[in-house]
Amino acid sequence: MNPPGLARRALAHRSFLIGGVLTLLLLLAASLSLVWTPWSPYEVDMAIKLQAPDGQHWLGTDPFGRDVASLLLVGARNSILVGLIAVSIGLAVGTALGLLAAARGGWLEELIMRLADFTFAFPAILSAIMLTAVFGAGIVNAIIAIGIFNIPTFARITRASARSIWAREYVLAARACGKGPWRITLDHVLPNMLSVLIVQATIQFALAILAEAALSYLGLGTQPPQPSWGRMLAEAQTLLFQAPLLAVFPGLAIALAVLGLNLLGDGLRDVLDPRLARKR
């Protein structure tokens, strides 16, 4: 693939550009929180609780007197951490299972696909509830639950893409030259499906952030005192008429993060496969 042509398509693709900008802002916010926040997100000052936005507290304060802007910045970092680890779990395990299913076929492929179908019956929230009942609520259990839910998605996509590649002429030629299934998988199958995995990982990243927010909203995800966008929404729901902005800011942050990653994934799909862009 010609890199200049790829760059040209990326710069001309509106969804890719908008999604890239929103995703970059999310990453910048998370990176900034590592070195600086306007106030300490853990500092409680009941004397200034529910303060409206002003020059000192740009987005106001929450029911505990904590700075909302600081909570949003650190919440972005936690959302990215959960999403990154959970998607990495799903990508690593799911891709390996999908490649194994496509390479071996037969009863092993059928077993892996039926296990994937079974796992789909337990969405991330339900899995987190079960893990919480056994091990207690926490960010680690939330990551495990979201990661497990991502495994069958990557397994099915990998298996479908790998099977189509196994039928290509260059793979048949490699088999005729005496290459084994694992050598063909590593040399030909996996490199030719990386673009598909990258696009799907971007989309799953957005879903992981949304799932983390939902779990934290239910009290099953990130635990106090660590800031979380979902828990900020949960704390703001009883104050919608008294301080509606407390729900607006974290809700807007979640919406923009998910929108940006989805647009980025949609744009990447078109940029990496120009045939899809021509069909639109």
C-alpha atoms as a PDB file:
ATOM      1  CA  MET A   1       0.000   0.000   0.000  1.00  0.00           C
ATOM      2  CA  ASN A   2       1.302   3.404  -0.958  1.00  0.00           C
ATOM      3  CA  PRO A   3       1.847   5.546   2.215  1.00  0.00           C
ATOM      4  CA  PRO A   4       1.359   8.911   0.437  1.00  0.00           C
ATOM      5  CA  GLY A   5      -1.937   7.621  -0.973  1.00  0.00           C
ATOM      6  CA  LEU A   6      -2.944   6.419   2.480  1.00  0.00           C
ATOM      7  CA  ALA A   7      -2.143   9.810   4.013  1.00  0.00           C
ATOM      8  CA  ARG A   8      -4.088  11.575   1.273  1.00  0.00           C
ATOM      9  CA  ARG A   9      -7.184   9.461   1.903  1.00  0.00           C
ATOM     10  CA  ALA A  10      -6.893  10.008   5.654  1.00  0.00           C
ATOM     11  CA  LEU A  11      -6.704  13.796   5.337  1.00  0.00           C
ATOM     12  CA  ALA A  12      -9.664  13.809   2.931  1.00  0.00           C
ATOM     13  CA  HIS A  13     -11.868  11.604   5.127  1.00  0.00           C
ATOM     14  CA  ARG A  14     -14.147  13.688   7.356  1.00  0.00           C
ATOM     15  CA  SER A  15     -15.025  10.939   9.838  1.00  0.00           C
ATOM     16  CA  PHE A  16     -11.371  10.030  10.282  1.00  0.00           C
ATOM     17  CA  LEU A  17     -10.377  13.646  10.918  1.00  0.00           C
ATOM     18  CA  ILE A  18     -13.192  14.375  13.394  1.00  0.00           C
ATOM     19  CA  GLY A  19     -12.666  11.080  15.199  1.00  0.00           C
ATOM     20  CA  GLY A  20      -8.906  11.614  15.266  1.00  0.00           C
ATOM     21  CA  VAL A  21      -9.281  15.085  16.794  1.00  0.00           C
ATOM     22  CA  LEU A  22     -11.726  13.893  19.483  1.00  0.00           C
ATOM     23  CA  THR A  23      -9.552  10.879  20.298  1.00  0.00           C
ATOM     24  CA  LEU A  24      -6.454  13.073  20.457  1.00  0.00           C
ATOM     25  CA  LEU A  25      -8.218  15.417  22.894  1.00  0.00           C
ATOM     26  CA  LEU A  26      -9.118  12.409  25.057  1.00  0.00           C
ATOM     27  CA  LEU A  27      -5.505  11.232  25.078  1.00  0.00           C
ATOM     28  CA  LEU A  28      -4.230  14.740  25.810  1.00  0.00           C
ATOM     29  CA  ALA A  29      -6.636  15.084  28.750  1.00  0.00           C
ATOM     30  CA  ALA A  30      -5.510  11.741  30.168  1.00  0.00           C
ATOM     31  CA  SER A  31      -1.833  12.593  29.650  1.00  0.00           C
ATOM     32  CA  LEU A  32      -2.259  16.034  31.229  1.00  0.00           C
ATOM     33  CA  SER A  33      -3.807  14.492  34.347  1.00  0.00           C
ATOM     34  CA  LEU A  34      -0.578  12.552  34.931  1.00  0.00           C
ATOM     35  CA  VAL A  35       1.384  15.745  35.549  1.00  0.00           C
ATOM     36  CA  TRP A  36      -1.169  18.452  36.350  1.00  0.00           C
ATOM     37  CA  THR A  37      -4.759  19.066  37.415  1.00  0.00           C
ATOM     38  CA  PRO A  38      -6.295  22.433  38.420  1.00  0.00           C
ATOM     39  CA  TRP A  39      -6.996  21.054  41.904  1.00  0.00           C
ATOM     40  CA  SER A  40      -6.477  17.756  43.660  1.00  0.00           C
ATOM     41  CA  PRO A  41      -9.295  15.393  42.603  1.00  0.00           C
ATOM     42  CA  TYR A  42      -9.186  13.843  46.075  1.00  0.00           C
ATOM     43  CA  GLU A  43      -9.437  17.089  48.070  1.00  0.00           C
ATOM     44  CA  VAL A  44     -12.809  17.370  49.840  1.00  0.00           C
ATOM     45  CA  ASP A  45     -14.017  20.841  50.898  1.00  0.00           C
ATOM     46  CA  MET A  46     -17.660  20.854  51.976  1.00  0.00           C
ATOM     47  CA  ALA A  47     -17.570  24.633  52.346  1.00  0.00           C
ATOM     48  CA  ILE A  48     -17.570  25.047  48.549  1.00  0.00           C
ATOM     49  CA  LYS A  49     -19.784  22.113  47.557  1.00  0.00           C
ATOM     50  CA  LEU A  50     -22.006  22.551  44.467  1.00  0.00           C
ATOM     51  CA  GLN A  51     -20.253  25.774  43.549  1.00  0.00           C
ATOM     52  CA  ALA A  52     -21.081  27.121  40.079  1.00  0.00           C
ATOM     53  CA  PRO A  53     -18.294  27.453  37.478  1.00  0.00           C
ATOM     54  CA  ASP A  54     -16.035  30.438  38.137  1.00  0.00           C
ATOM     55  CA  GLY A  55     -12.453  31.595  37.673  1.00  0.00           C
ATOM     56  CA  GLN A  56     -11.089  29.195  40.281  1.00  0.00           C
ATOM     57  CA  HIS A  57     -13.186  26.115  39.585  1.00  0.00           C
ATOM     58  CA  TRP A  58     -13.757  26.215  35.827  1.00  0.00           C
ATOM     59  CA  LEU A  59     -16.529  23.609  35.805  1.00  0.00           C
ATOM     60  CA  GLY A  60     -17.703  24.087  39.389  1.00  0.00           C
ATOM     61  CA  THR A  61     -17.535  21.654  42.298  1.00  0.00           C
ATOM     62  CA  ASP A  62     -19.370  18.431  43.144  1.00  0.00           C
ATOM     63  CA  PRO A  63     -21.405  17.536  46.307  1.00  0.00           C
ATOM     64  CA  PHE A  64     -18.129  16.945  48.185  1.00  0.00           C
ATOM     65  CA  GLY A  65     -16.482  20.192  47.114  1.00  0.00           C
ATOM     66  CA  ARG A  66     -14.101  18.519  44.661  1.00  0.00           C
ATOM     67  CA  ASP A  67     -13.142  20.294  41.458  1.00  0.00           C
ATOM     68  CA  VAL A  68     -15.184  18.868  38.550  1.00  0.00           C
ATOM     69  CA  ALA A  69     -12.554  19.707  35.909  1.00  0.00           C
ATOM     70  CA  SER A  70      -9.910  17.776  37.837  1.00  0.00           C
ATOM     71  CA  LEU A  71     -12.271  14.814  38.256  1.00  0.00           C
ATOM     72  CA  LEU A  72     -12.940  14.760  34.503  1.00  0.00           C
ATOM     73  CA  LEU A  73      -9.231  14.804  33.652  1.00  0.00           C
ATOM     74  CA  VAL A  74      -8.366  11.935  35.985  1.00  0.00           C
ATOM     75  CA  GLY A  75     -11.537  10.105  34.935  1.00  0.00           C
ATOM     76  CA  ALA A  76     -10.296  10.191  31.329  1.00  0.00           C
ATOM     77  CA  ARG A  77      -7.084   8.493  32.435  1.00  0.00           C
ATOM     78  CA  ASN A  78      -8.968   5.742  34.258  1.00  0.00           C
ATOM     79  CA  SER A  79     -11.321   5.192  31.307  1.00  0.00           C
ATOM     80  CA  ILE A  80      -8.399   4.823  28.897  1.00  0.00           C
ATOM     81  CA  LEU A  81      -6.591   2.467  31.298  1.00  0.00           C
ATOM     82  CA  VAL A  82      -9.617   0.197  31.636  1.00  0.00           C
ATOM     83  CA  GLY A  83     -10.334   0.289  27.893  1.00  0.00           C
ATOM     84  CA  LEU A  84      -6.731  -0.360  26.890  1.00  0.00           C
ATOM     85  CA  ILE A  85      -6.225  -3.360  29.184  1.00  0.00           C
ATOM     86  CA  ALA A  86      -9.654  -4.860  28.463  1.00  0.00           C
ATOM     87  CA  VAL A  87      -9.268  -4.528  24.686  1.00  0.00           C
ATOM     88  CA  SER A  88      -5.727  -5.931  24.883  1.00  0.00           C
ATOM     89  CA  ILE A  89      -7.068  -9.008  26.696  1.00  0.00           C
ATOM     90  CA  GLY A  90      -9.769  -9.512  24.086  1.00  0.00           C
ATOM     91  CA  LEU A  91      -7.404  -8.828  21.194  1.00  0.00           C
ATOM     92  CA  ALA A  92      -4.658 -11.183  22.380  1.00  0.00           C
ATOM     93  CA  VAL A  93      -6.834 -14.122  23.409  1.00  0.00           C
ATOM     94  CA  GLY A  94      -9.523 -13.691  20.758  1.00  0.00           C
ATOM     95  CA  THR A  95      -7.051 -13.313  17.884  1.00  0.00           C
ATOM     96  CA  ALA A  96      -5.118 -16.384  18.999  1.00  0.00           C
ATOM     97  CA  LEU A  97      -8.296 -18.460  19.214  1.00  0.00           C
ATOM     98  CA  GLY A  98      -9.551 -17.198  15.846  1.00  0.00           C
ATOM     99  CA  LEU A  99      -6.254 -17.993  14.131  1.00  0.00           C
ATOM    100  CA  LEU A 100      -6.189 -21.434  15.748  1.00  0.00           C
ATOM    101  CA  ALA A 101      -9.753 -22.134  14.594  1.00  0.00           C
ATOM    102  CA  ALA A 102      -9.001 -21.073  11.010  1.00  0.00           C
ATOM    103  CA  ALA A 103      -5.704 -22.968  10.837  1.00  0.00           C
ATOM    104  CA  ARG A 104      -6.852 -26.257  12.345  1.00  0.00           C
ATOM    105  CA  GLY A 105     -10.515 -26.404  11.337  1.00  0.00           C
ATOM    106  CA  GLY A 106     -12.629 -29.447  12.110  1.00  0.00           C
ATOM    107  CA  TRP A 107     -13.887 -30.155  15.617  1.00  0.00           C
ATOM    108  CA  LEU A 108     -11.473 -27.660  17.189  1.00  0.00           C
ATOM    109  CA  GLU A 109     -12.866 -24.805  15.098  1.00  0.00           C
ATOM    110  CA  GLU A 110     -16.406 -25.850  15.970  1.00  0.00           C
ATOM    111  CA  LEU A 111     -15.550 -26.008  19.688  1.00  0.00           C
ATOM    112  CA  ILE A 112     -13.951 -22.528  19.711  1.00  0.00           C
ATOM    113  CA  MET A 113     -16.863 -20.960  17.844  1.00  0.00           C
ATOM    114  CA  ARG A 114     -19.464 -22.567  20.132  1.00  0.00           C
ATOM    115  CA  LEU A 115     -17.536 -21.322  23.191  1.00  0.00           C
ATOM    116  CA  ALA A 116     -17.556 -17.848  21.627  1.00  0.00           C
ATOM    117  CA  ASP A 117     -21.325 -18.069  21.145  1.00  0.00           C
ATOM    118  CA  PHE A 118     -21.716 -19.166  24.768  1.00  0.00           C
ATOM    119  CA  THR A 119     -19.616 -16.227  26.013  1.00  0.00           C
ATOM    120  CA  PHE A 120     -21.829 -13.810  24.080  1.00  0.00           C
ATOM    121  CA  ALA A 121     -24.664 -14.820  26.422  1.00  0.00           C
ATOM    122  CA  PHE A 122     -22.846 -13.060  29.284  1.00  0.00           C
ATOM    123  CA  PRO A 123     -22.446  -9.331  28.522  1.00  0.00           C
ATOM    124  CA  ALA A 124     -19.858  -7.278  30.367  1.00  0.00           C
ATOM    125  CA  ILE A 125     -22.292  -5.921  32.959  1.00  0.00           C
ATOM    126  CA  LEU A 126     -23.683  -9.376  33.781  1.00  0.00           C
ATOM    127  CA  SER A 127     -20.163 -10.810  33.999  1.00  0.00           C
ATOM    128  CA  ALA A 128     -19.124  -7.975  36.315  1.00  0.00           C
ATOM    129  CA  ILE A 129     -22.111  -8.635  38.556  1.00  0.00           C
ATOM    130  CA  MET A 130     -21.127 -12.317  38.829  1.00  0.00           C
ATOM    131  CA  LEU A 131     -17.464 -11.463  39.503  1.00  0.00           C
ATOM    132  CA  THR A 132     -18.527  -8.872  42.084  1.00  0.00           C
ATOM    133  CA  ALA A 133     -20.656 -11.422  43.899  1.00  0.00           C
ATOM    134  CA  VAL A 134     -17.619 -13.704  44.229  1.00  0.00           C
ATOM    135  CA  PHE A 135     -14.631 -11.345  44.528  1.00  0.00           C
ATOM    136  CA  GLY A 136     -16.141  -7.940  45.360  1.00  0.00           C
ATOM    137  CA  ALA A 137     -16.508  -4.737  43.339  1.00  0.00           C
ATOM    138  CA  GLY A 138     -13.426  -3.113  41.840  1.00  0.00           C
ATOM    139  CA  ILE A 139     -11.697  -1.897  38.719  1.00  0.00           C
ATOM    140  CA  VAL A 140      -9.794  -5.189  38.257  1.00  0.00           C
ATOM    141  CA  ASN A 141     -13.006  -7.218  38.069  1.00  0.00           C
ATOM    142  CA  ALA A 142     -14.479  -4.660  35.676  1.00  0.00           C
ATOM    143  CA  ILE A 143     -11.437  -5.001  33.393  1.00  0.00           C
ATOM    144  CA  ILE A 144     -11.666  -8.801  33.482  1.00  0.00           C
ATOM    145  CA  ALA A 145     -15.400  -8.734  32.702  1.00  0.00           C
ATOM    146  CA  ILE A 146     -14.996  -6.329  29.765  1.00  0.00           C
ATOM    147  CA  GLY A 147     -11.948  -8.221  28.516  1.00  0.00           C
ATOM    148  CA  ILE A 148     -13.807 -11.563  28.567  1.00  0.00           C
ATOM    149  CA  PHE A 149     -16.687 -10.004  26.657  1.00  0.00           C
ATOM    150  CA  ASN A 150     -14.232  -8.792  23.970  1.00  0.00           C
ATOM    151  CA  ILE A 151     -12.693 -12.236  23.389  1.00  0.00           C
ATOM    152  CA  PRO A 152     -15.510 -13.780  21.292  1.00  0.00           C
ATOM    153  CA  THR A 153     -15.810 -10.627  19.183  1.00  0.00           C
ATOM    154  CA  PHE A 154     -12.163 -10.768  18.148  1.00  0.00           C
ATOM    155  CA  ALA A 155     -12.264 -14.563  17.804  1.00  0.00           C
ATOM    156  CA  ARG A 156     -15.155 -14.483  15.342  1.00  0.00           C
ATOM    157  CA  ILE A 157     -13.745 -11.612  13.280  1.00  0.00           C
ATOM    158  CA  THR A 158     -10.276 -13.183  13.202  1.00  0.00           C
ATOM    159  CA  ARG A 159     -11.611 -16.571  12.182  1.00  0.00           C
ATOM    160  CA  ALA A 160     -13.750 -15.106   9.379  1.00  0.00           C
ATOM    161  CA  SER A 161     -10.901 -12.956   8.024  1.00  0.00           C
ATOM    162  CA  ALA A 162      -8.344 -15.750   8.349  1.00  0.00           C
ATOM    163  CA  ARG A 163     -10.536 -18.248   6.508  1.00  0.00           C
ATOM    164  CA  SER A 164     -10.867 -15.878   3.543  1.00  0.00           C
ATOM    165  CA  ILE A 165      -7.083 -15.378   3.486  1.00  0.00           C
ATOM    166  CA  TRP A 166      -6.446 -19.137   3.641  1.00  0.00           C
ATOM    167  CA  ALA A 167      -8.283 -19.426   0.310  1.00  0.00           C
ATOM    168  CA  ARG A 168      -5.996 -16.901  -1.437  1.00  0.00           C
ATOM    169  CA  GLU A 169      -3.551 -17.978  -4.149  1.00  0.00           C
ATOM    170  CA  TYR A 170      -0.400 -16.923  -2.280  1.00  0.00           C
ATOM    171  CA  VAL A 171      -1.394 -19.057   0.700  1.00  0.00           C
ATOM    172  CA  LEU A 172      -2.019 -22.036  -1.587  1.00  0.00           C
ATOM    173  CA  ALA A 173       1.406 -21.423  -3.134  1.00  0.00           C
ATOM    174  CA  ALA A 174       2.995 -21.320   0.342  1.00  0.00           C
ATOM    175  CA  ARG A 175       1.376 -24.640   1.205  1.00  0.00           C
ATOM    176  CA  ALA A 176       2.621 -26.106  -2.058  1.00  0.00           C
ATOM    177  CA  CYS A 177       6.152 -25.017  -1.072  1.00  0.00           C
ATOM    178  CA  GLY A 178       5.893 -27.075   2.106  1.00  0.00           C
ATOM    179  CA  LYS A 179       5.139 -24.375   4.693  1.00  0.00           C
ATOM    180  CA  GLY A 180       3.232 -25.595   7.738  1.00  0.00           C
ATOM    181  CA  PRO A 181      -0.015 -24.054   9.033  1.00  0.00           C
ATOM    182  CA  TRP A 182       1.653 -22.045  11.820  1.00  0.00           C
ATOM    183  CA  ARG A 183       4.341 -20.647   9.528  1.00  0.00           C
ATOM    184  CA  ILE A 184       1.665 -19.647   7.021  1.00  0.00           C
ATOM    185  CA  THR A 185      -0.402 -18.089   9.808  1.00  0.00           C
ATOM    186  CA  LEU A 186       2.488 -15.946  11.033  1.00  0.00           C
ATOM    187  CA  ASP A 187       3.967 -15.074   7.639  1.00  0.00           C
ATOM    188  CA  HIS A 188       0.844 -14.549   5.542  1.00  0.00           C
ATOM    189  CA  VAL A 189      -2.460 -14.696   7.409  1.00  0.00           C
ATOM    190  CA  LEU A 190      -1.822 -12.438  10.411  1.00  0.00           C
ATOM    191  CA  PRO A 191      -0.004  -9.628   8.525  1.00  0.00           C
ATOM    192  CA  ASN A 192      -2.800  -9.431   5.946  1.00  0.00           C
ATOM    193  CA  MET A 193      -5.529  -9.006   8.542  1.00  0.00           C
ATOM    194  CA  LEU A 194      -3.874  -6.453  10.822  1.00  0.00           C
ATOM    195  CA  SER A 195      -5.943  -3.607   9.368  1.00  0.00           C
ATOM    196  CA  VAL A 196      -9.162  -5.450  10.268  1.00  0.00           C
ATOM    197  CA  LEU A 197      -7.953  -6.016  13.825  1.00  0.00           C
ATOM    198  CA  ILE A 198      -6.878  -2.383  14.241  1.00  0.00           C
ATOM    199  CA  VAL A 199     -10.285  -1.098  13.138  1.00  0.00           C
ATOM    200  CA  GLN A 200     -12.139  -3.527  15.397  1.00  0.00           C
ATOM    201  CA  ALA A 201      -9.875  -2.705  18.354  1.00  0.00           C
ATOM    202  CA  THR A 202     -10.742   0.984  17.947  1.00  0.00           C
ATOM    203  CA  ILE A 203     -14.460   0.222  17.984  1.00  0.00           C
ATOM    204  CA  GLN A 204     -14.133  -2.132  20.958  1.00  0.00           C
ATOM    205  CA  PHE A 205     -12.147   0.561  22.789  1.00  0.00           C
ATOM    206  CA  ALA A 206     -15.177   2.857  22.553  1.00  0.00           C
ATOM    207  CA  LEU A 207     -17.471   0.093  23.812  1.00  0.00           C
ATOM    208  CA  ALA A 208     -15.067  -0.637  26.678  1.00  0.00           C
ATOM    209  CA  ILE A 209     -15.140   3.000  27.813  1.00  0.00           C
ATOM    210  CA  LEU A 210     -18.940   2.921  27.683  1.00  0.00           C
ATOM    211  CA  ALA A 211     -19.047  -0.362  29.613  1.00  0.00           C
ATOM    212  CA  GLU A 212     -16.665   0.981  32.268  1.00  0.00           C
ATOM    213  CA  ALA A 213     -18.861   4.051  32.721  1.00  0.00           C
ATOM    214  CA  ALA A 214     -21.948   1.841  33.052  1.00  0.00           C
ATOM    215  CA  LEU A 215     -20.269  -0.438  35.588  1.00  0.00           C
ATOM    216  CA  SER A 216     -19.020   2.522  37.635  1.00  0.00           C
ATOM    217  CA  TYR A 217     -22.503   4.026  37.499  1.00  0.00           C
ATOM    218  CA  LEU A 218     -23.822   0.810  39.057  1.00  0.00           C
ATOM    219  CA  GLY A 219     -21.034   0.821  41.660  1.00  0.00           C
ATOM    220  CA  LEU A 220     -19.268  -2.202  40.141  1.00  0.00           C
ATOM    221  CA  GLY A 221     -16.364  -0.455  38.416  1.00  0.00           C
ATOM    222  CA  THR A 222     -13.853   2.124  39.619  1.00  0.00           C
ATOM    223  CA  GLN A 223     -14.212   2.554  43.372  1.00  0.00           C
ATOM    224  CA  PRO A 224     -13.832   5.721  45.503  1.00  0.00           C
ATOM    225  CA  PRO A 225     -11.729   7.745  45.851  1.00  0.00           C
ATOM    226  CA  GLN A 226     -10.599   7.148  42.249  1.00  0.00           C
ATOM    227  CA  PRO A 227     -12.558   9.457  39.891  1.00  0.00           C
ATOM    228  CA  SER A 228     -14.781   7.879  37.252  1.00  0.00           C
ATOM    229  CA  TRP A 229     -17.110   9.431  34.694  1.00  0.00           C
ATOM    230  CA  GLY A 230     -19.771   6.809  35.396  1.00  0.00           C
ATOM    231  CA  ARG A 231     -19.726   7.372  39.144  1.00  0.00           C
ATOM    232  CA  MET A 232     -19.851  11.152  38.601  1.00  0.00           C
ATOM    233  CA  LEU A 233     -23.109  10.568  36.731  1.00  0.00           C
ATOM    234  CA  ALA A 234     -24.419   8.367  39.541  1.00  0.00           C
ATOM    235  CA  GLU A 235     -23.610  11.036  42.139  1.00  0.00           C
ATOM    236  CA  ALA A 236     -25.242  13.749  40.021  1.00  0.00           C
ATOM    237  CA  GLN A 237     -28.555  11.971  39.373  1.00  0.00           C
ATOM    238  CA  THR A 238     -30.109  13.127  42.655  1.00  0.00           C
ATOM    239  CA  LEU A 239     -29.069  16.735  41.969  1.00  0.00           C
ATOM    240  CA  LEU A 240     -30.396  17.183  38.435  1.00  0.00           C
ATOM    241  CA  PHE A 241     -32.622  20.121  39.379  1.00  0.00           C
ATOM    242  CA  GLN A 242     -30.222  21.642  41.900  1.00  0.00           C
ATOM    243  CA  ALA A 243     -26.994  21.351  39.861  1.00  0.00           C
ATOM    244  CA  PRO A 244     -27.728  19.969  36.367  1.00  0.00           C
ATOM    245  CA  LEU A 245     -24.217  20.704  35.082  1.00  0.00           C
ATOM    246  CA  LEU A 246     -22.843  17.945  37.310  1.00  0.00           C
ATOM    247  CA  ALA A 247     -24.505  15.420  34.997  1.00  0.00           C
ATOM    248  CA  VAL A 248     -23.870  17.348  31.789  1.00  0.00           C
ATOM    249  CA  PHE A 249     -20.069  17.419  32.006  1.00  0.00           C
ATOM    250  CA  PRO A 250     -19.340  13.678  32.561  1.00  0.00           C
ATOM    251  CA  GLY A 251     -22.150  12.714  30.185  1.00  0.00           C
ATOM    252  CA  LEU A 252     -20.675  14.956  27.499  1.00  0.00           C
ATOM    253  CA  ALA A 253     -17.198  13.537  28.133  1.00  0.00           C
ATOM    254  CA  ILE A 254     -18.449   9.954  27.684  1.00  0.00           C
ATOM    255  CA  ALA A 255     -20.424  10.871  24.560  1.00  0.00           C
ATOM    256  CA  LEU A 256     -17.504  12.677  22.905  1.00  0.00           C
ATOM    257  CA  ALA A 257     -15.018   9.911  23.757  1.00  0.00           C
ATOM    258  CA  VAL A 258     -17.260   7.162  22.359  1.00  0.00           C
ATOM    259  CA  LEU A 259     -18.209   9.263  19.328  1.00  0.00           C
ATOM    260  CA  GLY A 260     -14.581  10.077  18.571  1.00  0.00           C
ATOM    261  CA  LEU A 261     -13.419   6.465  18.748  1.00  0.00           C
ATOM    262  CA  ASN A 262     -16.356   5.233  16.649  1.00  0.00           C
ATOM    263  CA  LEU A 263     -15.734   7.873  13.985  1.00  0.00           C
ATOM    264  CA  LEU A 264     -12.027   7.035  14.049  1.00  0.00           C
ATOM    265  CA  GLY A 265     -12.782   3.346  13.590  1.00  0.00           C
ATOM    266  CA  ASP A 266     -15.215   4.063  10.766  1.00  0.00           C
ATOM    267  CA  GLY A 267     -12.668   6.325   9.103  1.00  0.00           C
ATOM    268  CA  LEU A 268      -9.874   3.793   9.505  1.00  0.00           C
ATOM    269  CA  ARG A 269     -12.033   1.152   7.841  1.00  0.00           C
ATOM    270  CA  ASP A 270     -12.437   3.362   4.756  1.00  0.00           C
ATOM    271  CA  VAL A 271      -8.852   4.610   4.730  1.00  0.00           C
ATOM    272  CA  LEU A 272      -7.300   1.150   5.018  1.00  0.00           C
ATOM    273  CA  ASP A 273      -9.715  -0.348   2.472  1.00  0.00           C
ATOM    274  CA  PRO A 274     -10.503   2.267  -0.214  1.00  0.00           C
ATOM    275  CA  ARG A 275     -12.988  -0.142  -1.857  1.00  0.00           C
ATOM    276  CA  LEU A 276     -15.389   0.540   1.031  1.00  0.00           C
ATOM    277  CA  ALA A 277     -15.069   4.302   0.533  1.00  0.00           C
ATOM    278  CA  ARG A 278     -15.927   3.977  -3.175  1.00  0.00           C
ATOM    279  CA  LYS A 279     -19.092   2.043  -2.370  1.00  0.00           C
ATOM    280  CA  ARG A 280     -20.455   4.879  -0.218  1.00  0.00           C
END
